[in-house]
Amino acid sequence: MAFEYVYENIKTDDVVNIGMHRGDNDSMVEENAALAMEYMCRSGND
């Protein structure tokens, strides 16, 4: 939900800093990067 909210409301000069705790999910970084790209492209800010 956070990625979707950010990329729906981001402005041209905004910066997004994303932190994450992998815990027991070794593919979390890749999954989060894919989500970020999906929402960024969906919002037209690619």
Protein backbone atom coordinates (compact mmCIF):
# COMPACT_ATOMS: atom_id res chain seq x y z
CA MET A 1 0.00 0.00 0.00
CA ALA A 2 2.84 2.38 0.76
CA PHE A 3 4.38 2.11 -2.72
CA GLU A 4 1.03 2.69 -4.37
CA TYR A 5 0.28 5.73 -2.20
CA VAL A 6 3.71 7.28 -2.79
CA TYR A 7 3.65 6.91 -6.56
CA GLU A 8 0.08 8.16 -6.84
CA ASN A 9 1.02 11.32 -4.92
CA ILE A 10 4.66 11.96 -5.87
CA LYS A 11 5.62 15.27 -7.41
CA THR A 12 8.33 15.88 -9.98
CA ASP A 13 10.95 17.04 -7.47
CA ASP A 14 10.08 14.55 -4.69
CA VAL A 15 12.45 11.87 -3.46
CA VAL A 16 11.43 8.48 -2.08
CA ASN A 17 13.65 6.72 0.44
CA ILE A 18 12.64 3.12 1.05
CA GLY A 19 13.93 1.03 3.92
CA MET A 20 13.14 -2.59 4.47
CA HIS A 21 13.83 -5.48 6.81
CA ARG A 22 14.28 -8.73 4.92
CA GLY A 23 13.49 -10.93 7.88
CA ASP A 24 13.00 -14.42 6.48
CA ASN A 25 12.14 -13.33 2.93
CA ASP A 26 15.35 -13.45 0.87
CA SER A 27 13.60 -12.07 -2.22
CA MET A 28 12.08 -9.02 -0.50
CA VAL A 29 14.42 -6.55 -2.23
CA GLU A 30 13.51 -7.85 -5.68
CA GLU A 31 9.79 -7.94 -4.83
CA ASN A 32 9.84 -4.37 -3.51
CA ALA A 33 11.77 -3.11 -6.54
CA ALA A 34 9.20 -4.75 -8.84
CA LEU A 35 6.33 -3.18 -6.89
CA ALA A 36 7.98 0.24 -7.00
CA MET A 37 8.46 -0.01 -10.78
CA GLU A 38 4.87 -1.19 -11.27
CA TYR A 39 3.37 1.71 -9.33
CA MET A 40 5.78 4.25 -10.81
CA CYS A 41 4.84 3.21 -14.35
CA ARG A 42 1.15 3.10 -13.46
CA SER A 43 1.25 6.69 -12.17
CA GLY A 44 2.96 7.98 -15.32
CA ASN A 45 6.11 9.10 -13.51
CA ASP A 46 8.53 6.75 -15.25
